[in-house]
């Protein structure tokens, strides 16, 4: 697993610190003997596209460096409901303390990857590529964009720094799409994405230096006309209110990309649990 710019150790440490507070896991400390050991299986109750297993494992290793962990599938694998994802064995207190943080992470990321894969499957064969957006939970962007990538989407901008994206409020303040795009070009920005919501904005945006057009909230017939007008001069991206029910018709208009904010904004968590093997119920050594 490689996520550029993501510090796994720092993420694990801060997440556990949030959960443990000053007092630590008072339940496990009170209820579980210090020398107890448990074996556990992480499994999925849903059919999912798996994402985040190695991150989940890092939580267990952080609290029990000697834990035995076996990953049974890999990120990106599609598995049916009832599939075992990971086996972990180690000190019971450590595993129980890490359980929620590990599950929260793999449930959230697998939920995103699973929804993304459904959208990718829906536009298969159209020639369009699915993009994610910056509609991410603060602090989790790199993880969530890793999940969309795992599900088959292409990462769009990582932040405000890697391209100009001129949207409606920029246009309103700048005095028009042409003026806004011209200023971005004069600033030496190489990638200039301009949002247009009317056909008559396309030529002024292109003339001023747009390198990518975001066609916002246009129905398929209008999108088709916009794609024809652009004529391949720059990539085109359909955006705005795209759902699983509408994305196929949008993709079939000939746009280069379709961007979907709900991949990271609205994906439900996958139903994944960590179940301890009753046969391995601990007893003091």
Protein backbone atom coordinates (compact mmCIF):
# COMPACT_ATOMS: atom_id res chain seq x y z
CA UNK A 1 0.00 0.00 0.00
CA UNK A 2 1.45 3.34 -1.07
CA UNK A 3 -0.32 6.63 -0.34
CA UNK A 4 1.79 9.65 -1.25
CA UNK A 5 1.94 12.20 1.53
CA UNK A 6 0.21 9.97 4.08
CA UNK A 7 1.96 9.34 7.41
CA UNK A 8 0.60 6.01 8.63
CA UNK A 9 2.38 6.11 11.99
CA UNK A 10 1.07 9.59 12.75
CA UNK A 11 -2.46 8.65 11.70
CA UNK A 12 -2.50 5.56 13.90
CA UNK A 13 -1.03 7.42 16.86
CA UNK A 14 -3.47 10.35 16.66
CA UNK A 15 -6.49 8.10 16.14
CA UNK A 16 -5.63 5.94 19.13
CA UNK A 17 -4.89 9.02 21.24
CA UNK A 18 -8.36 10.36 20.45
CA UNK A 19 -9.93 7.08 21.59
CA UNK A 20 -7.76 6.46 24.65
CA UNK A 21 -7.71 9.93 26.14
CA UNK A 22 -5.88 10.34 29.42
CA UNK A 23 -7.30 7.26 31.14
CA UNK A 24 -6.86 4.63 28.40
CA UNK A 25 -9.19 1.69 27.78
CA UNK A 26 -10.74 1.42 31.22
CA UNK A 27 -13.06 -1.42 30.19
CA UNK A 28 -10.34 -3.76 28.96
CA UNK A 29 -8.08 -2.88 31.87
CA UNK A 30 -10.83 -3.74 34.36
CA UNK A 31 -12.37 -6.76 32.67
CA UNK A 32 -9.60 -8.56 30.77
CA UNK A 33 -6.74 -10.33 32.59
CA UNK A 34 -3.40 -8.81 31.67
CA UNK A 35 -2.09 -12.11 30.31
CA UNK A 36 -5.21 -13.13 28.37
CA UNK A 37 -4.90 -13.88 24.67
CA UNK A 38 -7.53 -13.99 21.95
CA UNK A 39 -7.62 -15.03 18.31
CA UNK A 40 -9.97 -13.03 16.08
CA UNK A 41 -11.28 -12.98 12.54
CA UNK A 42 -12.24 -9.79 10.69
CA UNK A 43 -15.02 -10.54 8.25
CA UNK A 44 -17.40 -8.70 5.95
CA UNK A 45 -21.15 -9.04 6.30
CA UNK A 46 -21.58 -7.23 2.96
CA UNK A 47 -20.31 -7.88 -0.54
CA UNK A 48 -17.58 -5.23 -0.77
CA UNK A 49 -14.51 -3.94 -2.51
CA UNK A 50 -11.88 -4.20 0.21
CA UNK A 51 -9.87 -1.15 1.24
CA UNK A 52 -7.77 -0.26 4.27
CA UNK A 53 -6.71 -3.66 5.59
CA UNK A 54 -3.06 -2.76 6.04
CA UNK A 55 -4.04 0.39 7.90
CA UNK A 56 -6.32 -1.64 10.16
CA UNK A 57 -3.49 -4.06 10.84
CA UNK A 58 -1.26 -1.16 11.85
CA UNK A 59 -3.57 -0.37 14.76
CA UNK A 60 -3.17 -3.88 16.14
CA UNK A 61 0.58 -3.85 15.66
CA UNK A 62 0.86 -0.47 17.35
CA UNK A 63 -0.56 -1.85 20.59
CA UNK A 64 0.87 -5.37 20.29
CA UNK A 65 4.07 -5.52 18.28
CA UNK A 66 4.07 -9.29 18.69
CA UNK A 67 0.58 -9.83 17.28
CA UNK A 68 0.25 -12.41 14.52
CA UNK A 69 -1.67 -10.91 11.61
CA UNK A 70 -2.67 -12.67 8.39
CA UNK A 71 -4.28 -10.67 5.60
CA UNK A 72 -6.55 -13.04 3.71
CA UNK A 73 -7.43 -10.65 0.86
CA UNK A 74 -5.90 -7.50 -0.60
CA UNK A 75 -7.12 -3.96 -1.09
CA UNK A 76 -9.07 -3.79 -4.32
CA UNK A 77 -10.37 -7.36 -4.09
CA UNK A 78 -14.11 -7.84 -4.49
CA UNK A 79 -15.42 -10.30 -1.94
CA UNK A 80 -18.88 -11.71 -1.25
CA UNK A 81 -20.74 -11.31 2.02
CA UNK A 82 -19.37 -13.61 4.70
CA UNK A 83 -15.77 -13.38 3.53
CA UNK A 84 -12.92 -13.49 6.03
CA UNK A 85 -10.55 -10.56 5.53
CA UNK A 86 -7.97 -10.87 8.28
CA UNK A 87 -6.94 -13.11 11.15
CA UNK A 88 -5.24 -11.60 14.15
CA UNK A 89 -3.94 -13.17 17.35
CA UNK A 90 -2.27 -11.51 20.30
CA UNK A 91 -2.77 -9.93 23.68
CA UNK A 92 -6.48 -9.57 24.36
CA UNK A 93 -6.31 -6.13 25.92
CA UNK A 94 -4.35 -4.75 22.99
CA UNK A 95 -6.64 -6.25 20.35
CA UNK A 96 -9.78 -5.04 22.07
CA UNK A 97 -8.35 -1.56 22.53
CA UNK A 98 -7.39 -1.30 18.86
CA UNK A 99 -10.58 -2.92 17.55
CA UNK A 100 -12.77 0.16 17.06
CA UNK A 101 -10.10 2.29 15.41
CA UNK A 102 -9.16 -0.54 13.05
CA UNK A 103 -12.77 -1.27 12.15
CA UNK A 104 -13.76 2.37 11.72
CA UNK A 105 -10.97 2.80 9.20
CA UNK A 106 -11.56 -0.32 7.13
CA UNK A 107 -15.35 0.12 7.20
CA UNK A 108 -15.14 3.71 5.98
CA UNK A 109 -12.56 3.10 3.26
CA UNK A 110 -14.19 -0.12 2.04
CA UNK A 111 -17.52 1.71 1.88
CA UNK A 112 -16.00 4.33 -0.37
CA UNK A 113 -14.21 1.76 -2.54
CA UNK A 114 -17.39 -0.30 -2.87
CA UNK A 115 -19.53 2.64 -3.96
CA UNK A 116 -16.80 3.77 -6.36
CA UNK A 117 -16.62 0.33 -7.95
CA UNK A 118 -20.39 0.39 -8.53
CA UNK A 119 -20.07 3.69 -10.42
CA UNK A 120 -17.09 2.45 -12.42
CA UNK A 121 -19.00 -0.68 -13.40
CA UNK A 122 -22.02 1.38 -14.45
CA UNK A 123 -20.03 3.38 -17.05
CA UNK A 124 -17.94 0.47 -18.36
CA UNK A 125 -17.58 0.61 -22.13
CA UNK A 126 -18.57 4.27 -22.50
CA UNK A 127 -14.99 5.56 -22.72
CA UNK A 128 -15.58 7.98 -19.85
CA UNK A 129 -13.41 7.94 -16.72
CA UNK A 130 -14.77 8.39 -13.20
CA UNK A 131 -13.20 11.16 -11.11
CA UNK A 132 -13.45 11.88 -7.41
CA UNK A 133 -13.63 15.39 -5.93
CA UNK A 134 -12.43 17.46 -2.96
CA UNK A 135 -15.64 16.71 -1.04
CA UNK A 136 -13.79 14.78 1.62
CA UNK A 137 -13.82 14.67 5.41
CA UNK A 138 -11.24 17.19 6.69
CA UNK A 139 -8.00 15.42 7.54
CA UNK A 140 -8.89 12.24 5.64
CA UNK A 141 -8.50 13.38 2.03
CA UNK A 142 -5.50 11.24 1.14
CA UNK A 143 -7.07 8.16 2.69
CA UNK A 144 -10.42 8.73 1.02
CA UNK A 145 -8.84 9.38 -2.34
CA UNK A 146 -6.82 6.19 -1.90
CA UNK A 147 -10.16 4.43 -1.41
CA UNK A 148 -11.68 5.88 -4.59
CA UNK A 149 -8.55 4.88 -6.47
CA UNK A 150 -8.85 1.38 -5.02
CA UNK A 151 -12.42 1.28 -6.30
CA UNK A 152 -11.31 2.16 -9.83
CA UNK A 153 -11.73 5.93 -10.05
CA UNK A 154 -9.04 8.41 -11.00
CA UNK A 155 -7.99 10.98 -8.44
CA UNK A 156 -8.80 14.52 -9.50
CA UNK A 157 -7.19 17.44 -7.69
CA UNK A 158 -5.67 16.65 -4.31
CA UNK A 159 -6.13 20.24 -3.19
CA UNK A 160 -6.23 23.88 -4.17
CA UNK A 161 -2.55 23.78 -5.06
CA UNK A 162 -2.32 21.46 -8.06
CA UNK A 163 -4.55 23.20 -10.62
CA UNK A 164 -6.69 26.27 -11.02
CA UNK A 165 -10.37 25.41 -10.84
CA UNK A 166 -12.45 28.43 -11.75
CA UNK A 167 -15.99 27.96 -10.45
CA UNK A 168 -19.10 30.12 -10.43
CA UNK A 169 -18.06 32.35 -7.54
CA UNK A 170 -14.65 32.98 -9.10
CA UNK A 171 -16.39 33.87 -12.35
CA UNK A 172 -18.80 36.23 -10.59
CA UNK A 173 -16.02 38.14 -8.86
CA UNK A 174 -13.67 38.15 -11.87
CA UNK A 175 -16.38 39.39 -14.25
CA UNK A 176 -16.76 36.36 -16.54
CA UNK A 177 -15.21 33.04 -17.50
CA UNK A 178 -12.93 34.67 -20.06
CA UNK A 179 -11.56 37.20 -17.62
CA UNK A 180 -11.04 34.58 -14.92
CA UNK A 181 -9.29 32.12 -17.23
CA UNK A 182 -7.09 34.86 -18.69
CA UNK A 183 -5.92 35.86 -15.23
CA UNK A 184 -5.07 32.27 -14.36
CA UNK A 185 -3.09 31.93 -17.58
CA UNK A 186 -1.26 35.20 -16.94
CA UNK A 187 -0.31 33.85 -13.51
CA UNK A 188 1.54 31.01 -15.24
CA UNK A 189 -0.79 28.21 -14.09
CA UNK A 190 -0.47 25.22 -16.42
CA UNK A 191 -3.76 23.42 -15.60
CA UNK A 192 -6.77 25.70 -15.84
CA UNK A 193 -10.11 24.01 -15.21
CA UNK A 194 -13.09 26.24 -15.93
CA UNK A 195 -16.61 25.44 -14.80
CA UNK A 196 -19.31 26.42 -17.29
CA UNK A 197 -23.04 25.96 -16.89
CA UNK A 198 -24.05 27.46 -20.24
CA UNK A 199 -23.04 26.65 -23.77
CA UNK A 200 -22.22 30.31 -24.51
CA UNK A 201 -19.45 30.24 -21.89
CA UNK A 202 -17.45 27.54 -23.68
CA UNK A 203 -15.77 29.57 -26.42
CA UNK A 204 -14.76 32.48 -24.13
CA UNK A 205 -13.25 30.00 -21.67
CA UNK A 206 -11.28 28.21 -24.38
CA UNK A 207 -10.12 31.42 -26.01
CA UNK A 208 -8.80 32.67 -22.67
CA UNK A 209 -6.73 29.56 -21.97
CA UNK A 210 -8.89 26.90 -20.30
CA UNK A 211 -7.21 23.49 -20.52
CA UNK A 212 -10.18 21.52 -19.13
CA UNK A 213 -13.90 22.29 -19.06
CA UNK A 214 -16.19 21.28 -16.21
CA UNK A 215 -19.70 21.09 -17.64
CA UNK A 216 -21.83 21.71 -14.58
CA UNK A 217 -25.37 20.39 -14.10
CA UNK A 218 -26.06 20.00 -17.81
CA UNK A 219 -28.61 17.36 -18.87
CA UNK A 220 -27.41 14.74 -21.37
CA UNK A 221 -28.75 16.46 -24.52
CA UNK A 222 -26.96 19.69 -23.56
CA UNK A 223 -23.81 17.78 -22.63
CA UNK A 224 -23.81 16.12 -26.02
CA UNK A 225 -23.97 19.51 -27.72
CA UNK A 226 -21.20 20.87 -25.52
CA UNK A 227 -18.93 17.93 -26.33
CA UNK A 228 -19.57 18.48 -30.04
CA UNK A 229 -18.77 22.19 -29.73
CA UNK A 230 -15.54 21.55 -27.83
CA UNK A 231 -14.53 19.08 -30.52
CA UNK A 232 -11.75 17.47 -28.53
CA UNK A 233 -9.80 20.69 -28.00
CA UNK A 234 -9.67 20.07 -24.24
CA UNK A 235 -10.95 17.33 -21.93
CA UNK A 236 -14.56 17.68 -20.81
CA UNK A 237 -15.93 16.75 -17.40
CA UNK A 238 -19.59 16.34 -16.46
CA UNK A 239 -20.39 17.20 -12.86
CA UNK A 240 -23.27 18.03 -10.57
CA UNK A 241 -25.83 15.76 -8.96
CA UNK A 242 -24.60 12.60 -10.67
CA UNK A 243 -26.12 9.40 -9.27
CA UNK A 244 -25.81 5.72 -10.02
CA UNK A 245 -29.09 5.95 -11.93
CA UNK A 246 -27.99 8.87 -14.13
CA UNK A 247 -24.28 8.32 -14.68
CA UNK A 248 -24.58 5.94 -17.63
CA UNK A 249 -26.56 8.39 -19.76
CA UNK A 250 -24.14 11.16 -18.81
CA UNK A 251 -21.09 9.10 -19.71
CA UNK A 252 -22.62 8.14 -23.07
CA UNK A 253 -22.65 11.80 -24.18
CA UNK A 254 -18.97 11.57 -25.02
CA UNK A 255 -17.53 13.49 -22.07
CA UNK A 256 -13.98 12.61 -21.09
CA UNK A 257 -14.72 12.43 -17.37
CA UNK A 258 -17.61 12.26 -14.95
CA UNK A 259 -16.91 13.53 -11.42
CA UNK A 260 -18.95 12.33 -8.46
CA UNK A 261 -18.74 14.02 -5.07
CA UNK A 262 -20.90 11.45 -3.30
CA UNK A 263 -18.14 8.85 -3.53
CA UNK A 264 -16.46 10.45 -0.53
CA UNK A 265 -19.34 12.57 0.73
CA UNK A 266 -22.08 9.96 1.05
CA UNK A 267 -20.68 6.43 0.88
CA UNK A 268 -22.11 4.22 3.66
CA UNK A 269 -19.66 2.31 5.84
CA UNK A 270 -19.22 -1.34 4.94
CA UNK A 271 -20.53 -3.83 7.50
CA UNK A 272 -17.31 -5.39 8.76
CA UNK A 273 -16.81 -6.98 12.15
CA UNK A 274 -14.10 -8.49 14.31
CA UNK A 275 -15.23 -11.74 15.88
CA UNK A 276 -13.23 -13.64 18.42
CA UNK A 277 -12.97 -17.43 18.08
CA UNK A 278 -14.84 -18.92 20.99
CA UNK A 279 -12.56 -21.94 20.87
CA UNK A 280 -9.66 -19.62 21.71
CA UNK A 281 -11.32 -18.06 24.74
CA UNK A 282 -8.50 -17.02 26.99
CA UNK A 283 -7.43 -18.24 30.33
CA UNK A 284 -4.59 -16.89 32.42
CA UNK A 285 -1.29 -18.41 31.38
